[in-house]
Amino acid sequence: GAQYLYRSRDKGITWDRISPDLTTNDPKKQTQEESGGLTVDNSSAENHCTIFTVCESPLDENLIWVGTDDGNLQVTSDGGKTWKIFSSDVFKGYAHKIKEDLVSKDLLFLGTEMGLYVTIDGGNNWLQMKGHIPDYALVRDMTIEPKTNDLVVGTHGRGVLIVDDISPLRKINADLLNKD
């Protein structure tokens, strides 16, 4: 990913662009070189309008989620032909990592620079995960352990968080939420 998402079907020899610009393409966020004479930051801390995370569904090869460092979260369910944006008043900070559940394609986790979010309905509604998960988690990576169903979250400079057994989240749906 750059501002576009690319796909290779021959182990990286050739690449096809499968998306439009998925970022905000905001010129104000692309002025890194205008830093008052300081050396350009190469730590990725000041890059903007770039795809930061890509999540291919383990259940559906045409379902791909993309998060950008300028606040966009987008999904395609047809291998890149069309995209739906989830620009997010819900999220604090930009997306570092998005992870689809290994069993339910509607259960996703989004790690941002300011916390961990979850959706049980394929991205239509998101909630920030609380409990012992700090708002400042700077989530950098996530994985789901298939044997224990634990969500393992790697944070920037703060360690590892483990959400024990996410399998009950797979059973939550609108009917269950409407019951006492």
C-alpha atoms as a PDB file:
ATOM      1  CA  GLY A   1       0.000   0.000   0.000  1.00  0.00           C
ATOM      2  CA  ALA A   2       0.924   3.603  -0.654  1.00  0.00           C
ATOM      3  CA  GLN A   3      -2.052   5.911  -1.104  1.00  0.00           C
ATOM      4  CA  TYR A   4      -3.345   3.155  -3.406  1.00  0.00           C
ATOM      5  CA  LEU A   5      -3.564  -0.551  -2.655  1.00  0.00           C
ATOM      6  CA  TYR A   6      -1.595  -2.845  -4.944  1.00  0.00           C
ATOM      7  CA  ARG A   7      -1.809  -6.616  -5.446  1.00  0.00           C
ATOM      8  CA  SER A   8       0.669  -9.065  -6.863  1.00  0.00           C
ATOM      9  CA  ARG A   9      -0.312 -12.487  -8.148  1.00  0.00           C
ATOM     10  CA  ASP A  10       3.247 -13.532  -9.034  1.00  0.00           C
ATOM     11  CA  LYS A  11       5.133 -13.157  -5.752  1.00  0.00           C
ATOM     12  CA  GLY A  12       5.937  -9.476  -6.262  1.00  0.00           C
ATOM     13  CA  ILE A  13       7.313  -9.520  -9.795  1.00  0.00           C
ATOM     14  CA  THR A  14       4.425  -7.382 -11.104  1.00  0.00           C
ATOM     15  CA  TRP A  15       1.842  -5.280  -9.267  1.00  0.00           C
ATOM     16  CA  ASP A  16      -1.701  -4.154 -10.130  1.00  0.00           C
ATOM     17  CA  ARG A  17      -3.374  -1.158  -8.514  1.00  0.00           C
ATOM     18  CA  ILE A  18      -6.733  -2.321  -7.098  1.00  0.00           C
ATOM     19  CA  SER A  19      -8.028   0.869  -5.482  1.00  0.00           C
ATOM     20  CA  PRO A  20      -8.443   4.576  -5.879  1.00  0.00           C
ATOM     21  CA  ASP A  21      -6.621   6.868  -3.436  1.00  0.00           C
ATOM     22  CA  LEU A  22      -7.867   5.529  -0.084  1.00  0.00           C
ATOM     23  CA  THR A  23      -6.436   8.430   1.945  1.00  0.00           C
ATOM     24  CA  THR A  24      -7.852  11.891   2.577  1.00  0.00           C
ATOM     25  CA  ASN A  25      -5.253  13.277   0.135  1.00  0.00           C
ATOM     26  CA  ASP A  26      -5.161  16.370   2.344  1.00  0.00           C
ATOM     27  CA  PRO A  27      -2.308  18.660   1.141  1.00  0.00           C
ATOM     28  CA  LYS A  28      -1.936  20.119   4.655  1.00  0.00           C
ATOM     29  CA  LYS A  29      -0.902  16.672   5.897  1.00  0.00           C
ATOM     30  CA  GLN A  30       1.723  16.259   3.166  1.00  0.00           C
ATOM     31  CA  THR A  31       4.130  19.046   4.094  1.00  0.00           C
ATOM     32  CA  GLN A  32       6.732  16.983   5.939  1.00  0.00           C
ATOM     33  CA  GLU A  33       9.605  18.614   4.032  1.00  0.00           C
ATOM     34  CA  GLU A  34       8.503  22.061   5.271  1.00  0.00           C
ATOM     35  CA  SER A  35       9.791  21.508   8.781  1.00  0.00           C
ATOM     36  CA  GLY A  36      11.659  24.745   9.379  1.00  0.00           C
ATOM     37  CA  GLY A  37      15.000  23.429   8.208  1.00  0.00           C
ATOM     38  CA  LEU A  38      15.063  20.245  10.255  1.00  0.00           C
ATOM     39  CA  THR A  39      15.955  16.923   8.696  1.00  0.00           C
ATOM     40  CA  VAL A  40      12.961  15.064   7.309  1.00  0.00           C
ATOM     41  CA  ASP A  41      11.671  12.523   9.856  1.00  0.00           C
ATOM     42  CA  ASN A  42      12.300   8.958   8.668  1.00  0.00           C
ATOM     43  CA  SER A  43      10.738   7.267  11.710  1.00  0.00           C
ATOM     44  CA  SER A  44       7.252   7.205  10.120  1.00  0.00           C
ATOM     45  CA  ALA A  45       6.018   9.479  12.876  1.00  0.00           C
ATOM     46  CA  GLU A  46       5.238  12.314  10.467  1.00  0.00           C
ATOM     47  CA  ASN A  47       4.095  10.511   7.325  1.00  0.00           C
ATOM     48  CA  HIS A  48       0.553  11.279   6.258  1.00  0.00           C
ATOM     49  CA  CYS A  49      -1.913  10.228   3.564  1.00  0.00           C
ATOM     50  CA  THR A  50      -0.479   6.718   3.403  1.00  0.00           C
ATOM     51  CA  ILE A  51      -1.981   3.262   3.846  1.00  0.00           C
ATOM     52  CA  PHE A  52      -0.744   2.072   7.216  1.00  0.00           C
ATOM     53  CA  THR A  53      -2.446  -1.305   7.571  1.00  0.00           C
ATOM     54  CA  VAL A  54      -4.008  -3.919   5.291  1.00  0.00           C
ATOM     55  CA  CYS A  55      -6.111  -6.846   6.501  1.00  0.00           C
ATOM     56  CA  GLU A  56      -7.009  -9.610   4.096  1.00  0.00           C
ATOM     57  CA  SER A  57      -9.883 -11.743   5.312  1.00  0.00           C
ATOM     58  CA  PRO A  58      -8.868 -15.286   6.245  1.00  0.00           C
ATOM     59  CA  LEU A  59     -12.425 -16.321   5.311  1.00  0.00           C
ATOM     60  CA  ASP A  60     -13.076 -14.446   2.031  1.00  0.00           C
ATOM     61  CA  GLU A  61     -10.295 -13.573  -0.417  1.00  0.00           C
ATOM     62  CA  ASN A  62     -12.316 -10.641  -1.813  1.00  0.00           C
ATOM     63  CA  LEU A  63     -12.755  -8.950   1.582  1.00  0.00           C
ATOM     64  CA  ILE A  64      -9.938  -6.499   2.343  1.00  0.00           C
ATOM     65  CA  TRP A  65      -9.772  -3.777   5.020  1.00  0.00           C
ATOM     66  CA  VAL A  66      -7.394  -0.807   4.723  1.00  0.00           C
ATOM     67  CA  GLY A  67      -6.512   1.794   7.360  1.00  0.00           C
ATOM     68  CA  THR A  68      -4.598   5.009   6.642  1.00  0.00           C
ATOM     69  CA  ASP A  69      -2.474   7.234   8.840  1.00  0.00           C
ATOM     70  CA  ASP A  70      -4.781  10.174   8.177  1.00  0.00           C
ATOM     71  CA  GLY A  71      -7.898   8.609   9.644  1.00  0.00           C
ATOM     72  CA  ASN A  72      -9.601   6.627   6.875  1.00  0.00           C
ATOM     73  CA  LEU A  73     -10.816   3.080   7.299  1.00  0.00           C
ATOM     74  CA  GLN A  74     -12.104   1.436   4.114  1.00  0.00           C
ATOM     75  CA  VAL A  75     -13.278  -2.002   3.014  1.00  0.00           C
ATOM     76  CA  THR A  76     -13.827  -3.814  -0.249  1.00  0.00           C
ATOM     77  CA  SER A  77     -15.863  -6.996  -0.538  1.00  0.00           C
ATOM     78  CA  ASP A  78     -15.232  -7.501  -4.255  1.00  0.00           C
ATOM     79  CA  GLY A  79     -11.449  -7.674  -4.426  1.00  0.00           C
ATOM     80  CA  GLY A  80     -10.922  -3.942  -4.905  1.00  0.00           C
ATOM     81  CA  LYS A  81     -13.547  -3.013  -7.490  1.00  0.00           C
ATOM     82  CA  THR A  82     -15.572  -0.909  -5.039  1.00  0.00           C
ATOM     83  CA  TRP A  83     -14.719   0.547  -1.628  1.00  0.00           C
ATOM     84  CA  LYS A  84     -16.786   1.688   1.356  1.00  0.00           C
ATOM     85  CA  ILE A  85     -15.351   4.288   3.704  1.00  0.00           C
ATOM     86  CA  PHE A  86     -15.732   4.357   7.474  1.00  0.00           C
ATOM     87  CA  SER A  87     -14.305   7.841   8.235  1.00  0.00           C
ATOM     88  CA  SER A  88     -14.423   7.830  11.822  1.00  0.00           C
ATOM     89  CA  ASP A  89     -15.757  10.208  14.432  1.00  0.00           C
ATOM     90  CA  VAL A  90     -15.715   7.077  16.594  1.00  0.00           C
ATOM     91  CA  PHE A  91     -11.963   6.465  16.423  1.00  0.00           C
ATOM     92  CA  LYS A  92      -9.315   8.446  18.233  1.00  0.00           C
ATOM     93  CA  GLY A  93      -6.144   8.607  16.172  1.00  0.00           C
ATOM     94  CA  TYR A  94      -5.308   6.706  13.061  1.00  0.00           C
ATOM     95  CA  ALA A  95      -5.432   2.985  12.386  1.00  0.00           C
ATOM     96  CA  HIS A  96      -2.257   1.011  12.960  1.00  0.00           C
ATOM     97  CA  LYS A  97      -3.706  -2.476  12.591  1.00  0.00           C
ATOM     98  CA  ILE A  98      -6.994  -4.132  11.723  1.00  0.00           C
ATOM     99  CA  LYS A  99      -7.618  -7.814  12.357  1.00  0.00           C
ATOM    100  CA  GLU A 100     -10.555  -9.933  11.243  1.00  0.00           C
ATOM    101  CA  ASP A 101     -11.585 -12.836  13.434  1.00  0.00           C
ATOM    102  CA  LEU A 102     -10.611 -16.310  12.284  1.00  0.00           C
ATOM    103  CA  VAL A 103     -14.220 -17.556  12.520  1.00  0.00           C
ATOM    104  CA  SER A 104     -16.597 -14.613  12.062  1.00  0.00           C
ATOM    105  CA  LYS A 105     -15.924 -12.108   9.269  1.00  0.00           C
ATOM    106  CA  ASP A 106     -18.221  -9.632  11.060  1.00  0.00           C
ATOM    107  CA  LEU A 107     -15.964  -9.541  14.149  1.00  0.00           C
ATOM    108  CA  LEU A 108     -13.053  -7.165  13.662  1.00  0.00           C
ATOM    109  CA  PHE A 109     -10.576  -5.425  15.902  1.00  0.00           C
ATOM    110  CA  LEU A 110      -9.015  -2.067  15.074  1.00  0.00           C
ATOM    111  CA  GLY A 111      -5.877  -0.878  16.827  1.00  0.00           C
ATOM    112  CA  THR A 112      -5.282   2.862  16.724  1.00  0.00           C
ATOM    113  CA  GLU A 113      -2.746   5.170  18.243  1.00  0.00           C
ATOM    114  CA  MET A 114      -5.297   5.896  20.975  1.00  0.00           C
ATOM    115  CA  GLY A 115      -6.941   2.571  21.787  1.00  0.00           C
ATOM    116  CA  LEU A 116      -8.520  -0.667  20.664  1.00  0.00           C
ATOM    117  CA  TYR A 117     -11.913  -0.862  18.926  1.00  0.00           C
ATOM    118  CA  VAL A 118     -14.251  -3.747  18.087  1.00  0.00           C
ATOM    119  CA  THR A 119     -17.162  -4.308  15.722  1.00  0.00           C
ATOM    120  CA  ILE A 120     -19.507  -7.301  15.699  1.00  0.00           C
ATOM    121  CA  ASP A 121     -21.423  -6.251  12.567  1.00  0.00           C
ATOM    122  CA  GLY A 122     -18.785  -6.064   9.870  1.00  0.00           C
ATOM    123  CA  GLY A 123     -17.745  -2.493  10.582  1.00  0.00           C
ATOM    124  CA  ASN A 124     -21.114  -0.734  10.666  1.00  0.00           C
ATOM    125  CA  ASN A 125     -20.835   0.055  14.383  1.00  0.00           C
ATOM    126  CA  TRP A 126     -17.627   0.330  16.406  1.00  0.00           C
ATOM    127  CA  LEU A 127     -17.034   0.507  20.155  1.00  0.00           C
ATOM    128  CA  GLN A 128     -13.854   1.265  22.022  1.00  0.00           C
ATOM    129  CA  MET A 129     -12.764  -1.675  24.150  1.00  0.00           C
ATOM    130  CA  LYS A 130     -12.308  -0.624  27.759  1.00  0.00           C
ATOM    131  CA  GLY A 131     -11.601  -2.570  30.928  1.00  0.00           C
ATOM    132  CA  HIS A 132      -7.886  -2.927  31.352  1.00  0.00           C
ATOM    133  CA  ILE A 133      -7.103  -1.662  27.852  1.00  0.00           C
ATOM    134  CA  PRO A 134      -5.714   1.868  28.094  1.00  0.00           C
ATOM    135  CA  ASP A 135      -6.891   4.694  25.830  1.00  0.00           C
ATOM    136  CA  TYR A 136      -3.279   5.388  24.935  1.00  0.00           C
ATOM    137  CA  ALA A 137      -2.376   1.852  23.887  1.00  0.00           C
ATOM    138  CA  LEU A 138      -0.732   2.767  20.536  1.00  0.00           C
ATOM    139  CA  VAL A 139      -1.669  -0.620  19.139  1.00  0.00           C
ATOM    140  CA  ARG A 140       1.010  -1.676  16.645  1.00  0.00           C
ATOM    141  CA  ASP A 141       0.116  -5.292  15.946  1.00  0.00           C
ATOM    142  CA  MET A 142      -2.485  -7.943  16.756  1.00  0.00           C
ATOM    143  CA  THR A 143      -2.937 -11.637  16.296  1.00  0.00           C
ATOM    144  CA  ILE A 144      -5.577 -14.163  17.299  1.00  0.00           C
ATOM    145  CA  GLU A 145      -4.287 -17.377  18.826  1.00  0.00           C
ATOM    146  CA  PRO A 146      -6.432 -20.092  17.177  1.00  0.00           C
ATOM    147  CA  LYS A 147      -6.092 -22.645  20.007  1.00  0.00           C
ATOM    148  CA  THR A 148      -7.128 -20.365  22.877  1.00  0.00           C
ATOM    149  CA  ASN A 149      -9.028 -17.654  20.936  1.00  0.00           C
ATOM    150  CA  ASP A 150      -6.977 -14.989  22.713  1.00  0.00           C
ATOM    151  CA  LEU A 151      -6.487 -11.612  21.042  1.00  0.00           C
ATOM    152  CA  VAL A 152      -2.831 -10.689  21.537  1.00  0.00           C
ATOM    153  CA  VAL A 153      -2.149  -6.976  21.175  1.00  0.00           C
ATOM    154  CA  GLY A 154       1.337  -5.525  20.793  1.00  0.00           C
ATOM    155  CA  THR A 155       1.660  -1.881  21.780  1.00  0.00           C
ATOM    156  CA  HIS A 156       4.343   0.682  21.067  1.00  0.00           C
ATOM    157  CA  GLY A 157       6.565   0.932  24.107  1.00  0.00           C
ATOM    158  CA  ARG A 158       3.957  -0.321  26.556  1.00  0.00           C
ATOM    159  CA  GLY A 159       4.092  -4.074  26.213  1.00  0.00           C
ATOM    160  CA  VAL A 160       1.656  -6.813  25.315  1.00  0.00           C
ATOM    161  CA  LEU A 161      -2.028  -6.997  26.194  1.00  0.00           C
ATOM    162  CA  ILE A 162      -4.006 -10.229  25.997  1.00  0.00           C
ATOM    163  CA  VAL A 163      -7.781 -10.250  25.688  1.00  0.00           C
ATOM    164  CA  ASP A 164      -8.599 -13.753  26.924  1.00  0.00           C
ATOM    165  CA  ASP A 165     -10.898 -15.889  24.764  1.00  0.00           C
ATOM    166  CA  ILE A 166     -12.761 -13.668  22.323  1.00  0.00           C
ATOM    167  CA  SER A 167     -15.052 -16.547  21.286  1.00  0.00           C
ATOM    168  CA  PRO A 168     -18.063 -15.134  23.241  1.00  0.00           C
ATOM    169  CA  LEU A 169     -17.891 -12.034  21.009  1.00  0.00           C
ATOM    170  CA  ARG A 170     -18.603 -14.279  18.017  1.00  0.00           C
ATOM    171  CA  LYS A 171     -22.030 -15.082  19.460  1.00  0.00           C
ATOM    172  CA  ILE A 172     -23.189 -11.498  19.998  1.00  0.00           C
ATOM    173  CA  ASN A 173     -25.770 -10.252  17.506  1.00  0.00           C
ATOM    174  CA  ALA A 174     -28.611  -7.705  17.363  1.00  0.00           C
ATOM    175  CA  ASP A 175     -31.190 -10.174  18.745  1.00  0.00           C
ATOM    176  CA  LEU A 176     -29.017 -10.967  21.757  1.00  0.00           C
ATOM    177  CA  LEU A 177     -28.289  -7.274  22.422  1.00  0.00           C
ATOM    178  CA  ASN A 178     -32.022  -6.478  22.469  1.00  0.00           C
ATOM    179  CA  LYS A 179     -32.739  -9.025  25.208  1.00  0.00           C
ATOM    180  CA  ASP A 180     -32.704  -8.279  28.927  1.00  0.00           C
END
